[in-house]
Amino acid sequence: MAKKSTTKRTPKGIDEQLREAILNSSHKRAAIARETGIADAVLSRFVTEDEYARRDLRLATAAKIAAFLGLELAPKKRGR
């Protein structure tokens, strides 16, 4: 029998979700940058796998990317 993991899975933050959406998008990073008016270097530093080189985005920048990708920030549904 396989032993179940006892570690609780941490929900993904908005930054992780946006990073995944960018990386999984059918659009190339340069196209996202061009269409949103965001510097490609800013996107590059946001999506890099190197945690020491990774940078955060300003909220306004994240909103532009989310809108371009058709994403929406919504409240989490809570079970009762």
PDB file of N, CA and C in Angstrom:
ATOM      1  N   MET A   1       0.827  -1.173   0.000  1.00  0.00           N
ATOM      2  CA  MET A   1       0.000   0.000   0.000  1.00  0.00           C
ATOM      3  C   MET A   1       0.876   1.243   0.000  1.00  0.00           C
ATOM      4  N   ALA A   2       0.430   2.214  -0.780  1.00  0.00           N
ATOM      5  CA  ALA A   2       1.156   3.473  -0.828  1.00  0.00           C
ATOM      6  C   ALA A   2       0.765   4.323   0.373  1.00  0.00           C
ATOM      7  N   LYS A   3       1.768   4.934   0.956  1.00  0.00           N
ATOM      8  CA  LYS A   3       1.532   5.789   2.116  1.00  0.00           C
ATOM      9  C   LYS A   3       1.108   7.177   1.646  1.00  0.00           C
ATOM     10  N   LYS A   4       0.049   7.705   2.241  1.00  0.00           N
ATOM     11  CA  LYS A   4      -0.421   9.037   1.886  1.00  0.00           C
ATOM     12  C   LYS A   4       0.510  10.085   2.472  1.00  0.00           C
ATOM     13  N   SER A   5       0.682  11.138   1.722  1.00  0.00           N
ATOM     14  CA  SER A   5       1.514  12.241   2.186  1.00  0.00           C
ATOM     15  C   SER A   5       0.785  12.994   3.290  1.00  0.00           C
ATOM     16  N   THR A   6       1.507  13.320   4.327  1.00  0.00           N
ATOM     17  CA  THR A   6       0.900  14.048   5.440  1.00  0.00           C
ATOM     18  C   THR A   6       1.118  15.549   5.320  1.00  0.00           C
ATOM     19  N   THR A   7       1.891  15.969   4.323  1.00  0.00           N
ATOM     20  CA  THR A   7       2.119  17.398   4.160  1.00  0.00           C
ATOM     21  C   THR A   7       0.925  18.019   3.462  1.00  0.00           C
ATOM     22  N   LYS A   8       0.519  19.162   3.967  1.00  0.00           N
ATOM     23  CA  LYS A   8      -0.596  19.870   3.396  1.00  0.00           C
ATOM     24  C   LYS A   8      -0.123  20.621   2.173  1.00  0.00           C
ATOM     25  N   ARG A   9      -0.911  20.587   1.135  1.00  0.00           N
ATOM     26  CA  ARG A   9      -0.551  21.289  -0.084  1.00  0.00           C
ATOM     27  C   ARG A   9      -0.902  22.765   0.055  1.00  0.00           C
ATOM     28  N   THR A  10       0.055  23.617  -0.184  1.00  0.00           N
ATOM     29  CA  THR A  10      -0.172  25.047  -0.101  1.00  0.00           C
ATOM     30  C   THR A  10      -0.834  25.512  -1.394  1.00  0.00           C
ATOM     31  N   PRO A  11      -1.930  26.260  -1.278  1.00  0.00           N
ATOM     32  CA  PRO A  11      -2.574  26.761  -2.491  1.00  0.00           C
ATOM     33  C   PRO A  11      -1.638  27.687  -3.252  1.00  0.00           C
ATOM     34  N   LYS A  12      -1.762  27.675  -4.554  1.00  0.00           N
ATOM     35  CA  LYS A  12      -0.925  28.539  -5.371  1.00  0.00           C
ATOM     36  C   LYS A  12      -1.356  29.985  -5.206  1.00  0.00           C
ATOM     37  N   GLY A  13      -0.363  30.845  -5.099  1.00  0.00           N
ATOM     38  CA  GLY A  13      -0.638  32.268  -5.003  1.00  0.00           C
ATOM     39  C   GLY A  13      -0.946  32.847  -6.372  1.00  0.00           C
ATOM     40  N   ILE A  14      -1.393  34.078  -6.377  1.00  0.00           N
ATOM     41  CA  ILE A  14      -1.718  34.754  -7.629  1.00  0.00           C
ATOM     42  C   ILE A  14      -0.488  34.806  -8.528  1.00  0.00           C
ATOM     43  N   ASP A  15       0.668  35.073  -7.945  1.00  0.00           N
ATOM     44  CA  ASP A  15       1.892  35.161  -8.746  1.00  0.00           C
ATOM     45  C   ASP A  15       2.203  33.840  -9.437  1.00  0.00           C
ATOM     46  N   GLU A  16       2.054  32.728  -8.730  1.00  0.00           N
ATOM     47  CA  GLU A  16       2.317  31.422  -9.320  1.00  0.00           C
ATOM     48  C   GLU A  16       1.317  31.098 -10.424  1.00  0.00           C
ATOM     49  N   GLN A  17       0.059  31.444 -10.184  1.00  0.00           N
ATOM     50  CA  GLN A  17      -0.970  31.191 -11.195  1.00  0.00           C
ATOM     51  C   GLN A  17      -0.717  32.005 -12.459  1.00  0.00           C
ATOM     52  N   LEU A  18      -0.336  33.270 -12.292  1.00  0.00           N
ATOM     53  CA  LEU A  18      -0.058  34.117 -13.446  1.00  0.00           C
ATOM     54  C   LEU A  18       1.190  33.634 -14.177  1.00  0.00           C
ATOM     55  N   ARG A  19       2.206  33.253 -13.438  1.00  0.00           N
ATOM     56  CA  ARG A  19       3.435  32.730 -14.048  1.00  0.00           C
ATOM     57  C   ARG A  19       3.120  31.498 -14.899  1.00  0.00           C
ATOM     58  N   GLU A  20       2.330  30.575 -14.349  1.00  0.00           N
ATOM     59  CA  GLU A  20       1.950  29.375 -15.092  1.00  0.00           C
ATOM     60  C   GLU A  20       1.128  29.719 -16.325  1.00  0.00           C
ATOM     61  N   ALA A  21       0.229  30.688 -16.193  1.00  0.00           N
ATOM     62  CA  ALA A  21      -0.600  31.093 -17.327  1.00  0.00           C
ATOM     63  C   ALA A  21       0.251  31.655 -18.460  1.00  0.00           C
ATOM     64  N   ILE A  22       1.269  32.433 -18.111  1.00  0.00           N
ATOM     65  CA  ILE A  22       2.176  32.988 -19.121  1.00  0.00           C
ATOM     66  C   ILE A  22       2.940  31.856 -19.802  1.00  0.00           C
ATOM     67  N   LEU A  23       3.504  30.968 -19.001  1.00  0.00           N
ATOM     68  CA  LEU A  23       4.311  29.880 -19.553  1.00  0.00           C
ATOM     69  C   LEU A  23       3.489  28.889 -20.367  1.00  0.00           C
ATOM     70  N   ASN A  24       2.219  28.695 -20.010  1.00  0.00           N
ATOM     71  CA  ASN A  24       1.362  27.738 -20.716  1.00  0.00           C
ATOM     72  C   ASN A  24       0.556  28.379 -21.841  1.00  0.00           C
ATOM     73  N   SER A  25       0.709  29.672 -22.018  1.00  0.00           N
ATOM     74  CA  SER A  25      -0.037  30.392 -23.041  1.00  0.00           C
ATOM     75  C   SER A  25       0.436  29.997 -24.435  1.00  0.00           C
ATOM     76  N   SER A  26      -0.465  30.106 -25.384  1.00  0.00           N
ATOM     77  CA  SER A  26      -0.087  29.852 -26.782  1.00  0.00           C
ATOM     78  C   SER A  26       0.686  31.039 -27.355  1.00  0.00           C
ATOM     79  N   HIS A  27       0.702  32.151 -26.617  1.00  0.00           N
ATOM     80  CA  HIS A  27       1.425  33.342 -27.049  1.00  0.00           C
ATOM     81  C   HIS A  27       2.867  33.281 -26.548  1.00  0.00           C
ATOM     82  N   LYS A  28       3.774  33.721 -27.386  1.00  0.00           N
ATOM     83  CA  LYS A  28       5.172  33.815 -26.962  1.00  0.00           C
ATOM     84  C   LYS A  28       5.307  34.988 -26.002  1.00  0.00           C
ATOM     85  N   ARG A  29       6.291  34.873 -25.119  1.00  0.00           N
ATOM     86  CA  ARG A  29       6.514  35.923 -24.124  1.00  0.00           C
ATOM     87  C   ARG A  29       6.704  37.289 -24.784  1.00  0.00           C
ATOM     88  N   ALA A  30       7.448  37.328 -25.880  1.00  0.00           N
ATOM     89  CA  ALA A  30       7.689  38.604 -26.571  1.00  0.00           C
ATOM     90  C   ALA A  30       6.383  39.202 -27.097  1.00  0.00           C
ATOM     91  N   ALA A  31       5.474  38.359 -27.558  1.00  0.00           N
ATOM     92  CA  ALA A  31       4.180  38.839 -28.051  1.00  0.00           C
ATOM     93  C   ALA A  31       3.338  39.395 -26.913  1.00  0.00           C
ATOM     94  N   ILE A  32       3.362  38.717 -25.769  1.00  0.00           N
ATOM     95  CA  ILE A  32       2.637  39.210 -24.598  1.00  0.00           C
ATOM     96  C   ILE A  32       3.190  40.575 -24.201  1.00  0.00           C
ATOM     97  N   ALA A  33       4.496  40.694 -24.175  1.00  0.00           N
ATOM     98  CA  ALA A  33       5.141  41.963 -23.807  1.00  0.00           C
ATOM     99  C   ALA A  33       4.750  43.056 -24.795  1.00  0.00           C
ATOM    100  N   ARG A  34       4.841  42.760 -26.065  1.00  0.00           N
ATOM    101  CA  ARG A  34       4.537  43.766 -27.100  1.00  0.00           C
ATOM    102  C   ARG A  34       3.074  44.208 -27.019  1.00  0.00           C
ATOM    103  N   GLU A  35       2.169  43.262 -26.913  1.00  0.00           N
ATOM    104  CA  GLU A  35       0.735  43.582 -26.916  1.00  0.00           C
ATOM    105  C   GLU A  35       0.270  44.293 -25.645  1.00  0.00           C
ATOM    106  N   THR A  36       0.964  44.086 -24.541  1.00  0.00           N
ATOM    107  CA  THR A  36       0.571  44.716 -23.277  1.00  0.00           C
ATOM    108  C   THR A  36       1.377  45.977 -22.971  1.00  0.00           C
ATOM    109  N   GLY A  37       2.438  46.213 -23.741  1.00  0.00           N
ATOM    110  CA  GLY A  37       3.280  47.379 -23.503  1.00  0.00           C
ATOM    111  C   GLY A  37       4.234  47.199 -22.334  1.00  0.00           C
ATOM    112  N   ILE A  38       4.460  45.947 -21.960  1.00  0.00           N
ATOM    113  CA  ILE A  38       5.364  45.628 -20.856  1.00  0.00           C
ATOM    114  C   ILE A  38       6.709  45.206 -21.443  1.00  0.00           C
ATOM    115  N   ALA A  39       7.787  45.648 -20.849  1.00  0.00           N
ATOM    116  CA  ALA A  39       9.119  45.280 -21.346  1.00  0.00           C
ATOM    117  C   ALA A  39       9.317  43.770 -21.258  1.00  0.00           C
ATOM    118  N   ASP A  40       9.871  43.183 -22.301  1.00  0.00           N
ATOM    119  CA  ASP A  40      10.125  41.744 -22.323  1.00  0.00           C
ATOM    120  C   ASP A  40      11.026  41.339 -21.163  1.00  0.00           C
ATOM    121  N   ALA A  41      11.963  42.213 -20.793  1.00  0.00           N
ATOM    122  CA  ALA A  41      12.870  41.905 -19.677  1.00  0.00           C
ATOM    123  C   ALA A  41      12.095  41.757 -18.369  1.00  0.00           C
ATOM    124  N   VAL A  42      11.044  42.551 -18.196  1.00  0.00           N
ATOM    125  CA  VAL A  42      10.220  42.460 -16.985  1.00  0.00           C
ATOM    126  C   VAL A  42       9.535  41.102 -16.931  1.00  0.00           C
ATOM    127  N   LEU A  43       8.951  40.672 -18.057  1.00  0.00           N
ATOM    128  CA  LEU A  43       8.313  39.352 -18.106  1.00  0.00           C
ATOM    129  C   LEU A  43       9.325  38.240 -17.906  1.00  0.00           C
ATOM    130  N   SER A  44      10.483  38.393 -18.516  1.00  0.00           N
ATOM    131  CA  SER A  44      11.528  37.387 -18.395  1.00  0.00           C
ATOM    132  C   SER A  44      11.940  37.180 -16.944  1.00  0.00           C
ATOM    133  N   ARG A  45      12.126  38.277 -16.221  1.00  0.00           N
ATOM    134  CA  ARG A  45      12.517  38.173 -14.809  1.00  0.00           C
ATOM    135  C   ARG A  45      11.394  37.610 -13.945  1.00  0.00           C
ATOM    136  N   PHE A  46      10.143  37.822 -14.356  1.00  0.00           N
ATOM    137  CA  PHE A  46       9.004  37.299 -13.599  1.00  0.00           C
ATOM    138  C   PHE A  46       8.857  35.790 -13.775  1.00  0.00           C
ATOM    139  N   VAL A  47       9.071  35.282 -14.980  1.00  0.00           N
ATOM    140  CA  VAL A  47       8.820  33.860 -15.246  1.00  0.00           C
ATOM    141  C   VAL A  47      10.054  32.964 -15.086  1.00  0.00           C
ATOM    142  N   THR A  48      11.207  33.546 -14.839  1.00  0.00           N
ATOM    143  CA  THR A  48      12.425  32.742 -14.749  1.00  0.00           C
ATOM    144  C   THR A  48      12.322  31.678 -13.655  1.00  0.00           C
ATOM    145  N   GLU A  49      12.942  30.549 -13.911  1.00  0.00           N
ATOM    146  CA  GLU A  49      12.960  29.475 -12.919  1.00  0.00           C
ATOM    147  C   GLU A  49      13.996  29.722 -11.833  1.00  0.00           C
ATOM    148  N   ASP A  50      14.914  30.630 -12.083  1.00  0.00           N
ATOM    149  CA  ASP A  50      15.961  30.962 -11.119  1.00  0.00           C
ATOM    150  C   ASP A  50      15.370  31.824 -10.007  1.00  0.00           C
ATOM    151  N   GLU A  51      15.145  31.224  -8.844  1.00  0.00           N
ATOM    152  CA  GLU A  51      14.471  31.953  -7.754  1.00  0.00           C
ATOM    153  C   GLU A  51      15.258  33.163  -7.266  1.00  0.00           C
ATOM    154  N   TYR A  52      16.562  33.182  -7.501  1.00  0.00           N
ATOM    155  CA  TYR A  52      17.374  34.322  -7.065  1.00  0.00           C
ATOM    156  C   TYR A  52      17.286  35.484  -8.056  1.00  0.00           C
ATOM    157  N   ALA A  53      16.983  35.179  -9.299  1.00  0.00           N
ATOM    158  CA  ALA A  53      16.863  36.217 -10.326  1.00  0.00           C
ATOM    159  C   ALA A  53      15.415  36.661 -10.511  1.00  0.00           C
ATOM    160  N   ARG A  54      14.476  35.886 -10.002  1.00  0.00           N
ATOM    161  CA  ARG A  54      13.047  36.168 -10.183  1.00  0.00           C
ATOM    162  C   ARG A  54      12.650  37.464  -9.496  1.00  0.00           C
ATOM    163  N   ARG A  55      11.796  38.221 -10.174  1.00  0.00           N
ATOM    164  CA  ARG A  55      11.285  39.483  -9.645  1.00  0.00           C
ATOM    165  C   ARG A  55       9.765  39.460  -9.663  1.00  0.00           C
ATOM    166  N   ASP A  56       9.160  40.237  -8.777  1.00  0.00           N
ATOM    167  CA  ASP A  56       7.710  40.373  -8.726  1.00  0.00           C
ATOM    168  C   ASP A  56       7.257  41.418  -9.739  1.00  0.00           C
ATOM    169  N   LEU A  57       5.954  41.438  -9.969  1.00  0.00           N
ATOM    170  CA  LEU A  57       5.358  42.433 -10.853  1.00  0.00           C
ATOM    171  C   LEU A  57       4.557  43.440 -10.038  1.00  0.00           C
ATOM    172  N   ARG A  58       4.423  44.631 -10.552  1.00  0.00           N
ATOM    173  CA  ARG A  58       3.494  45.589  -9.961  1.00  0.00           C
ATOM    174  C   ARG A  58       2.088  45.086 -10.260  1.00  0.00           C
ATOM    175  N   LEU A  59       1.155  45.454  -9.429  1.00  0.00           N
ATOM    176  CA  LEU A  59      -0.224  45.007  -9.601  1.00  0.00           C
ATOM    177  C   LEU A  59      -0.791  45.447 -10.950  1.00  0.00           C
ATOM    178  N   ALA A  60      -0.505  46.670 -11.356  1.00  0.00           N
ATOM    179  CA  ALA A  60      -1.000  47.171 -12.639  1.00  0.00           C
ATOM    180  C   ALA A  60      -0.437  46.355 -13.806  1.00  0.00           C
ATOM    181  N   THR A  61       0.814  45.942 -13.699  1.00  0.00           N
ATOM    182  CA  THR A  61       1.444  45.121 -14.729  1.00  0.00           C
ATOM    183  C   THR A  61       0.798  43.745 -14.772  1.00  0.00           C
ATOM    184  N   ALA A  62       0.591  43.154 -13.611  1.00  0.00           N
ATOM    185  CA  ALA A  62      -0.063  41.844 -13.538  1.00  0.00           C
ATOM    186  C   ALA A  62      -1.468  41.915 -14.119  1.00  0.00           C
ATOM    187  N   ALA A  63      -2.176  43.019 -13.857  1.00  0.00           N
ATOM    188  CA  ALA A  63      -3.537  43.188 -14.372  1.00  0.00           C
ATOM    189  C   ALA A  63      -3.548  43.252 -15.897  1.00  0.00           C
ATOM    190  N   LYS A  64      -2.562  43.928 -16.491  1.00  0.00           N
ATOM    191  CA  LYS A  64      -2.467  44.002 -17.951  1.00  0.00           C
ATOM    192  C   LYS A  64      -2.261  42.614 -18.551  1.00  0.00           C
ATOM    193  N   ILE A  65      -1.372  41.846 -17.937  1.00  0.00           N
ATOM    194  CA  ILE A  65      -1.092  40.495 -18.439  1.00  0.00           C
ATOM    195  C   ILE A  65      -2.319  39.615 -18.280  1.00  0.00           C
ATOM    196  N   ALA A  66      -2.946  39.678 -17.122  1.00  0.00           N
ATOM    197  CA  ALA A  66      -4.141  38.871 -16.865  1.00  0.00           C
ATOM    198  C   ALA A  66      -5.237  39.202 -17.870  1.00  0.00           C
ATOM    199  N   ALA A  67      -5.456  40.480 -18.139  1.00  0.00           N
ATOM    200  CA  ALA A  67      -6.483  40.882 -19.106  1.00  0.00           C
ATOM    201  C   ALA A  67      -6.149  40.346 -20.496  1.00  0.00           C
ATOM    202  N   PHE A  68      -4.885  40.452 -20.891  1.00  0.00           N
ATOM    203  CA  PHE A  68      -4.461  39.955 -22.201  1.00  0.00           C
ATOM    204  C   PHE A  68      -4.703  38.451 -22.322  1.00  0.00           C
ATOM    205  N   LEU A  69      -4.440  37.717 -21.244  1.00  0.00           N
ATOM    206  CA  LEU A  69      -4.601  36.259 -21.265  1.00  0.00           C
ATOM    207  C   LEU A  69      -6.036  35.819 -20.982  1.00  0.00           C
ATOM    208  N   GLY A  70      -6.917  36.783 -20.717  1.00  0.00           N
ATOM    209  CA  GLY A  70      -8.309  36.457 -20.456  1.00  0.00           C
ATOM    210  C   GLY A  70      -8.553  35.912 -19.065  1.00  0.00           C
ATOM    211  N   LEU A  71      -7.704  36.303 -18.128  1.00  0.00           N
ATOM    212  CA  LEU A  71      -7.829  35.838 -16.751  1.00  0.00           C
ATOM    213  C   LEU A  71      -8.558  36.882 -15.922  1.00  0.00           C
ATOM    214  N   GLU A  72      -9.157  36.420 -14.852  1.00  0.00           N
ATOM    215  CA  GLU A  72      -9.920  37.301 -13.982  1.00  0.00           C
ATOM    216  C   GLU A  72      -9.633  36.951 -12.537  1.00  0.00           C
ATOM    217  N   LEU A  73      -9.444  37.961 -11.734  1.00  0.00           N
ATOM    218  CA  LEU A  73      -9.246  37.754 -10.309  1.00  0.00           C
ATOM    219  C   LEU A  73     -10.620  37.632  -9.667  1.00  0.00           C
ATOM    220  N   ALA A  74     -10.862  36.532  -8.996  1.00  0.00           N
ATOM    221  CA  ALA A  74     -12.170  36.287  -8.390  1.00  0.00           C
ATOM    222  C   ALA A  74     -11.991  35.752  -6.982  1.00  0.00           C
ATOM    223  N   PRO A  75     -12.963  36.004  -6.113  1.00  0.00           N
ATOM    224  CA  PRO A  75     -12.857  35.470  -4.746  1.00  0.00           C
ATOM    225  C   PRO A  75     -12.930  33.954  -4.758  1.00  0.00           C
ATOM    226  N   LYS A  76     -12.250  33.377  -3.816  1.00  0.00           N
ATOM    227  CA  LYS A  76     -12.232  31.931  -3.663  1.00  0.00           C
ATOM    228  C   LYS A  76     -13.573  31.472  -3.092  1.00  0.00           C
ATOM    229  N   LYS A  77     -14.114  30.407  -3.661  1.00  0.00           N
ATOM    230  CA  LYS A  77     -15.370  29.868  -3.163  1.00  0.00           C
ATOM    231  C   LYS A  77     -15.074  29.050  -1.923  1.00  0.00           C
ATOM    232  N   ARG A  78     -15.791  29.325  -0.869  1.00  0.00           N
ATOM    233  CA  ARG A  78     -15.567  28.628   0.393  1.00  0.00           C
ATOM    234  C   ARG A  78     -16.708  27.646   0.638  1.00  0.00           C
ATOM    235  N   GLY A  79     -16.336  26.475   1.083  1.00  0.00           N
ATOM    236  CA  GLY A  79     -17.341  25.467   1.444  1.00  0.00           C
ATOM    237  C   GLY A  79     -17.970  25.798   2.781  1.00  0.00           C
ATOM    238  N   ARG A  80     -19.210  25.436   2.951  1.00  0.00           N
ATOM    239  CA  ARG A  80     -19.878  25.731   4.224  1.00  0.00           C
ATOM    240  C   ARG A  80     -20.195  24.482   4.955  1.00  0.00           C
TER     241      ARG A  80
END
